Amino acid sequence: MSMTSRIYHHASQRDGEQLRRDGWRNGILAVSVSDQRLTTLEREAIRAIGERLYGGAHGKGA
């Protein structure tokens, strides 16, 4: 008797980048302030938004 649920039999794990793309298509932006694809100004804007919404230092504290 298998202990694996049949619900997850056909499920596959998506990589982080695919998860972020799918989120964006649903109106959710997930981005790292250290993402090198962003300019310094863009990273600063992301950091400022994150601190405003979730508190200082990458969400630590409020």
PDB file of N, CA and C in Angstrom:
ATOM      1  N   MET A   1       0.845  -1.187   0.000  1.00  0.00           N
ATOM      2  CA  MET A   1       0.000   0.000   0.000  1.00  0.00           C
ATOM      3  C   MET A   1       0.886   1.245   0.000  1.00  0.00           C
ATOM      4  N   SER A   2       0.642   2.111  -0.944  1.00  0.00           N
ATOM      5  CA  SER A   2       1.446   3.322  -1.076  1.00  0.00           C
ATOM      6  C   SER A   2       0.922   4.423  -0.168  1.00  0.00           C
ATOM      7  N   MET A   3       1.846   5.198   0.396  1.00  0.00           N
ATOM      8  CA  MET A   3       1.467   6.301   1.275  1.00  0.00           C
ATOM      9  C   MET A   3       1.338   7.612   0.497  1.00  0.00           C
ATOM     10  N   THR A   4       1.548   7.585  -0.813  1.00  0.00           N
ATOM     11  CA  THR A   4       1.452   8.779  -1.644  1.00  0.00           C
ATOM     12  C   THR A   4       0.004   9.007  -2.053  1.00  0.00           C
ATOM     13  N   SER A   5      -0.468  10.214  -1.870  1.00  0.00           N
ATOM     14  CA  SER A   5      -1.843  10.557  -2.227  1.00  0.00           C
ATOM     15  C   SER A   5      -2.022  10.544  -3.735  1.00  0.00           C
ATOM     16  N   ARG A   6      -3.157  10.034  -4.199  1.00  0.00           N
ATOM     17  CA  ARG A   6      -3.467  10.042  -5.627  1.00  0.00           C
ATOM     18  C   ARG A   6      -3.738  11.458  -6.124  1.00  0.00           C
ATOM     19  N   ILE A   7      -4.044  12.369  -5.230  1.00  0.00           N
ATOM     20  CA  ILE A   7      -4.308  13.763  -5.617  1.00  0.00           C
ATOM     21  C   ILE A   7      -3.081  14.368  -6.293  1.00  0.00           C
ATOM     22  N   TYR A   8      -1.899  14.049  -5.792  1.00  0.00           N
ATOM     23  CA  TYR A   8      -0.672  14.642  -6.295  1.00  0.00           C
ATOM     24  C   TYR A   8       0.054  13.758  -7.309  1.00  0.00           C
ATOM     25  N   HIS A   9      -0.583  12.701  -7.758  1.00  0.00           N
ATOM     26  CA  HIS A   9       0.061  11.756  -8.663  1.00  0.00           C
ATOM     27  C   HIS A   9       0.602  12.428  -9.929  1.00  0.00           C
ATOM     28  N   HIS A  10      -0.174  13.349 -10.511  1.00  0.00           N
ATOM     29  CA  HIS A  10       0.230  13.986 -11.763  1.00  0.00           C
ATOM     30  C   HIS A  10       0.803  15.382 -11.551  1.00  0.00           C
ATOM     31  N   ALA A  11       0.964  15.811 -10.326  1.00  0.00           N
ATOM     32  CA  ALA A  11       1.493  17.146 -10.046  1.00  0.00           C
ATOM     33  C   ALA A  11       2.986  17.198 -10.317  1.00  0.00           C
ATOM     34  N   SER A  12       3.434  18.334 -10.769  1.00  0.00           N
ATOM     35  CA  SER A  12       4.868  18.529 -10.952  1.00  0.00           C
ATOM     36  C   SER A  12       5.262  19.842 -10.286  1.00  0.00           C
ATOM     37  N   GLN A  13       6.468  19.893  -9.801  1.00  0.00           N
ATOM     38  CA  GLN A  13       6.956  21.085  -9.132  1.00  0.00           C
ATOM     39  C   GLN A  13       7.476  22.064 -10.174  1.00  0.00           C
ATOM     40  N   ARG A  14       7.047  23.326 -10.052  1.00  0.00           N
ATOM     41  CA  ARG A  14       7.524  24.363 -10.968  1.00  0.00           C
ATOM     42  C   ARG A  14       8.750  25.034 -10.371  1.00  0.00           C
ATOM     43  N   ASP A  15       9.649  25.475 -11.244  1.00  0.00           N
ATOM     44  CA  ASP A  15      10.802  26.204 -10.732  1.00  0.00           C
ATOM     45  C   ASP A  15      10.361  27.612 -10.322  1.00  0.00           C
ATOM     46  N   GLY A  16      11.207  28.293  -9.561  1.00  0.00           N
ATOM     47  CA  GLY A  16      10.871  29.610  -9.031  1.00  0.00           C
ATOM     48  C   GLY A  16      10.558  30.631 -10.108  1.00  0.00           C
ATOM     49  N   GLU A  17      11.307  30.605 -11.195  1.00  0.00           N
ATOM     50  CA  GLU A  17      11.076  31.576 -12.267  1.00  0.00           C
ATOM     51  C   GLU A  17       9.709  31.354 -12.921  1.00  0.00           C
ATOM     52  N   GLN A  18       9.320  30.109 -13.125  1.00  0.00           N
ATOM     53  CA  GLN A  18       8.007  29.812 -13.697  1.00  0.00           C
ATOM     54  C   GLN A  18       6.899  30.249 -12.743  1.00  0.00           C
ATOM     55  N   LEU A  19       7.095  30.045 -11.470  1.00  0.00           N
ATOM     56  CA  LEU A  19       6.121  30.476 -10.467  1.00  0.00           C
ATOM     57  C   LEU A  19       5.952  31.984 -10.498  1.00  0.00           C
ATOM     58  N   ARG A  20       7.059  32.729 -10.617  1.00  0.00           N
ATOM     59  CA  ARG A  20       6.989  34.195 -10.695  1.00  0.00           C
ATOM     60  C   ARG A  20       6.269  34.643 -11.961  1.00  0.00           C
ATOM     61  N   ARG A  21       6.546  33.980 -13.094  1.00  0.00           N
ATOM     62  CA  ARG A  21       5.855  34.338 -14.343  1.00  0.00           C
ATOM     63  C   ARG A  21       4.357  34.099 -14.230  1.00  0.00           C
ATOM     64  N   ASP A  22       3.981  32.964 -13.660  1.00  0.00           N
ATOM     65  CA  ASP A  22       2.552  32.664 -13.493  1.00  0.00           C
ATOM     66  C   ASP A  22       1.894  33.662 -12.553  1.00  0.00           C
ATOM     67  N   GLY A  23       2.596  34.033 -11.496  1.00  0.00           N
ATOM     68  CA  GLY A  23       2.058  35.033 -10.570  1.00  0.00           C
ATOM     69  C   GLY A  23       1.827  36.361 -11.266  1.00  0.00           C
ATOM     70  N   TRP A  24       2.799  36.771 -12.085  1.00  0.00           N
ATOM     71  CA  TRP A  24       2.671  38.040 -12.805  1.00  0.00           C
ATOM     72  C   TRP A  24       1.441  38.035 -13.712  1.00  0.00           C
ATOM     73  N   ARG A  25       1.171  36.922 -14.342  1.00  0.00           N
ATOM     74  CA  ARG A  25      -0.015  36.817 -15.210  1.00  0.00           C
ATOM     75  C   ARG A  25      -1.306  36.959 -14.415  1.00  0.00           C
ATOM     76  N   ASN A  26      -1.210  36.742 -13.101  1.00  0.00           N
ATOM     77  CA  ASN A  26      -2.373  36.891 -12.221  1.00  0.00           C
ATOM     78  C   ASN A  26      -2.306  38.169 -11.387  1.00  0.00           C
ATOM     79  N   GLY A  27      -1.413  39.087 -11.768  1.00  0.00           N
ATOM     80  CA  GLY A  27      -1.339  40.381 -11.111  1.00  0.00           C
ATOM     81  C   GLY A  27      -0.478  40.419  -9.862  1.00  0.00           C
ATOM     82  N   ILE A  28       0.394  39.436  -9.685  1.00  0.00           N
ATOM     83  CA  ILE A  28       1.265  39.381  -8.509  1.00  0.00           C
ATOM     84  C   ILE A  28       2.714  39.475  -8.986  1.00  0.00           C
ATOM     85  N   LEU A  29       3.467  40.414  -8.411  1.00  0.00           N
ATOM     86  CA  LEU A  29       4.869  40.566  -8.769  1.00  0.00           C
ATOM     87  C   LEU A  29       5.743  40.060  -7.635  1.00  0.00           C
ATOM     88  N   ALA A  30       6.583  39.087  -7.931  1.00  0.00           N
ATOM     89  CA  ALA A  30       7.541  38.558  -6.957  1.00  0.00           C
ATOM     90  C   ALA A  30       8.931  38.819  -7.527  1.00  0.00           C
ATOM     91  N   VAL A  31       9.700  39.645  -6.823  1.00  0.00           N
ATOM     92  CA  VAL A  31      11.017  40.031  -7.334  1.00  0.00           C
ATOM     93  C   VAL A  31      11.989  40.178  -6.172  1.00  0.00           C
ATOM     94  N   SER A  32      13.233  39.859  -6.420  1.00  0.00           N
ATOM     95  CA  SER A  32      14.278  40.008  -5.418  1.00  0.00           C
ATOM     96  C   SER A  32      14.965  41.355  -5.594  1.00  0.00           C
ATOM     97  N   VAL A  33      15.246  42.034  -4.492  1.00  0.00           N
ATOM     98  CA  VAL A  33      15.953  43.307  -4.582  1.00  0.00           C
ATOM     99  C   VAL A  33      17.390  43.107  -5.069  1.00  0.00           C
ATOM    100  N   SER A  34      17.869  41.885  -5.089  1.00  0.00           N
ATOM    101  CA  SER A  34      19.221  41.620  -5.575  1.00  0.00           C
ATOM    102  C   SER A  34      19.244  41.086  -7.006  1.00  0.00           C
ATOM    103  N   ASP A  35      18.101  41.098  -7.692  1.00  0.00           N
ATOM    104  CA  ASP A  35      18.020  40.617  -9.071  1.00  0.00           C
ATOM    105  C   ASP A  35      18.865  41.521  -9.975  1.00  0.00           C
ATOM    106  N   GLN A  36      19.916  40.967 -10.554  1.00  0.00           N
ATOM    107  CA  GLN A  36      20.849  41.740 -11.360  1.00  0.00           C
ATOM    108  C   GLN A  36      20.270  42.205 -12.699  1.00  0.00           C
ATOM    109  N   ARG A  37      19.085  41.719 -13.057  1.00  0.00           N
ATOM    110  CA  ARG A  37      18.448  42.197 -14.285  1.00  0.00           C
ATOM    111  C   ARG A  37      17.860  43.580 -14.104  1.00  0.00           C
ATOM    112  N   LEU A  38      17.729  44.021 -12.847  1.00  0.00           N
ATOM    113  CA  LEU A  38      17.174  45.333 -12.554  1.00  0.00           C
ATOM    114  C   LEU A  38      18.286  46.365 -12.432  1.00  0.00           C
ATOM    115  N   THR A  39      17.947  47.610 -12.756  1.00  0.00           N
ATOM    116  CA  THR A  39      18.904  48.693 -12.551  1.00  0.00           C
ATOM    117  C   THR A  39      18.940  49.030 -11.067  1.00  0.00           C
ATOM    118  N   THR A  40      19.942  49.803 -10.678  1.00  0.00           N
ATOM    119  CA  THR A  40      20.052  50.231  -9.286  1.00  0.00           C
ATOM    120  C   THR A  40      18.796  50.992  -8.860  1.00  0.00           C
ATOM    121  N   LEU A  41      18.302  51.853  -9.712  1.00  0.00           N
ATOM    122  CA  LEU A  41      17.094  52.633  -9.411  1.00  0.00           C
ATOM    123  C   LEU A  41      15.882  51.714  -9.227  1.00  0.00           C
ATOM    124  N   GLU A  42      15.750  50.713 -10.083  1.00  0.00           N
ATOM    125  CA  GLU A  42      14.635  49.757  -9.960  1.00  0.00           C
ATOM    126  C   GLU A  42      14.738  48.959  -8.666  1.00  0.00           C
ATOM    127  N   ARG A  43      15.951  48.506  -8.313  1.00  0.00           N
ATOM    128  CA  ARG A  43      16.129  47.757  -7.057  1.00  0.00           C
ATOM    129  C   ARG A  43      15.783  48.620  -5.849  1.00  0.00           C
ATOM    130  N   GLU A  44      16.173  49.886  -5.878  1.00  0.00           N
ATOM    131  CA  GLU A  44      15.846  50.802  -4.783  1.00  0.00           C
ATOM    132  C   GLU A  44      14.334  50.998  -4.666  1.00  0.00           C
ATOM    133  N   ALA A  45      13.657  51.113  -5.803  1.00  0.00           N
ATOM    134  CA  ALA A  45      12.203  51.277  -5.789  1.00  0.00           C
ATOM    135  C   ALA A  45      11.527  50.044  -5.196  1.00  0.00           C
ATOM    136  N   ILE A  46      11.970  48.851  -5.585  1.00  0.00           N
ATOM    137  CA  ILE A  46      11.415  47.603  -5.047  1.00  0.00           C
ATOM    138  C   ILE A  46      11.642  47.531  -3.549  1.00  0.00           C
ATOM    139  N   ARG A  47      12.872  47.885  -3.101  1.00  0.00           N
ATOM    140  CA  ARG A  47      13.199  47.866  -1.680  1.00  0.00           C
ATOM    141  C   ARG A  47      12.295  48.834  -0.904  1.00  0.00           C
ATOM    142  N   ALA A  48      12.108  50.040  -1.434  1.00  0.00           N
ATOM    143  CA  ALA A  48      11.277  51.040  -0.764  1.00  0.00           C
ATOM    144  C   ALA A  48       9.818  50.590  -0.661  1.00  0.00           C
ATOM    145  N   ILE A  49       9.307  49.988  -1.723  1.00  0.00           N
ATOM    146  CA  ILE A  49       7.926  49.483  -1.703  1.00  0.00           C
ATOM    147  C   ILE A  49       7.792  48.359  -0.672  1.00  0.00           C
ATOM    148  N   GLY A  50       8.748  47.439  -0.683  1.00  0.00           N
ATOM    149  CA  GLY A  50       8.713  46.333   0.283  1.00  0.00           C
ATOM    150  C   GLY A  50       8.763  46.815   1.713  1.00  0.00           C
ATOM    151  N   GLU A  51       9.624  47.791   1.993  1.00  0.00           N
ATOM    152  CA  GLU A  51       9.715  48.322   3.355  1.00  0.00           C
ATOM    153  C   GLU A  51       8.442  49.050   3.746  1.00  0.00           C
ATOM    154  N   ARG A  52       7.843  49.769   2.813  1.00  0.00           N
ATOM    155  CA  ARG A  52       6.592  50.483   3.112  1.00  0.00           C
ATOM    156  C   ARG A  52       5.457  49.507   3.434  1.00  0.00           C
ATOM    157  N   LEU A  53       5.382  48.429   2.662  1.00  0.00           N
ATOM    158  CA  LEU A  53       4.279  47.478   2.847  1.00  0.00           C
ATOM    159  C   LEU A  53       4.513  46.497   3.991  1.00  0.00           C
ATOM    160  N   TYR A  54       5.767  46.068   4.182  1.00  0.00           N
ATOM    161  CA  TYR A  54       6.037  44.956   5.078  1.00  0.00           C
ATOM    162  C   TYR A  54       7.010  45.260   6.205  1.00  0.00           C
ATOM    163  N   GLY A  55       7.520  46.477   6.286  1.00  0.00           N
ATOM    164  CA  GLY A  55       8.451  46.827   7.350  1.00  0.00           C
ATOM    165  C   GLY A  55       9.879  46.883   6.852  1.00  0.00           C
ATOM    166  N   GLY A  56      10.782  47.264   7.725  1.00  0.00           N
ATOM    167  CA  GLY A  56      12.167  47.492   7.332  1.00  0.00           C
ATOM    168  C   GLY A  56      12.971  46.237   7.087  1.00  0.00           C
ATOM    169  N   ALA A  57      14.167  46.426   6.581  1.00  0.00           N
ATOM    170  CA  ALA A  57      15.189  45.398   6.367  1.00  0.00           C
ATOM    171  C   ALA A  57      14.639  44.077   5.835  1.00  0.00           C
ATOM    172  N   HIS A  58      14.121  44.107   4.627  1.00  0.00           N
ATOM    173  CA  HIS A  58      13.611  42.903   3.954  1.00  0.00           C
ATOM    174  C   HIS A  58      12.540  42.197   4.771  1.00  0.00           C
ATOM    175  N   GLY A  59      11.658  42.977   5.386  1.00  0.00           N
ATOM    176  CA  GLY A  59      10.517  42.400   6.102  1.00  0.00           C
ATOM    177  C   GLY A  59      10.759  42.092   7.550  1.00  0.00           C
ATOM    178  N   LYS A  60      11.982  42.292   8.037  1.00  0.00           N
ATOM    179  CA  LYS A  60      12.285  41.988   9.443  1.00  0.00           C
ATOM    180  C   LYS A  60      11.917  43.202  10.285  1.00  0.00           C
ATOM    181  N   GLY A  61      10.990  43.017  11.177  1.00  0.00           N
ATOM    182  CA  GLY A  61      10.534  44.125  12.006  1.00  0.00           C
ATOM    183  C   GLY A  61       9.426  44.869  11.307  1.00  0.00           C
ATOM    184  N   ALA A  62       8.810  45.772  12.018  1.00  0.00           N
ATOM    185  CA  ALA A  62       7.720  46.527  11.395  1.00  0.00           C
ATOM    186  C   ALA A  62       7.705  47.945  11.877  1.00  0.00           C
TER     187      ALA A  62
END
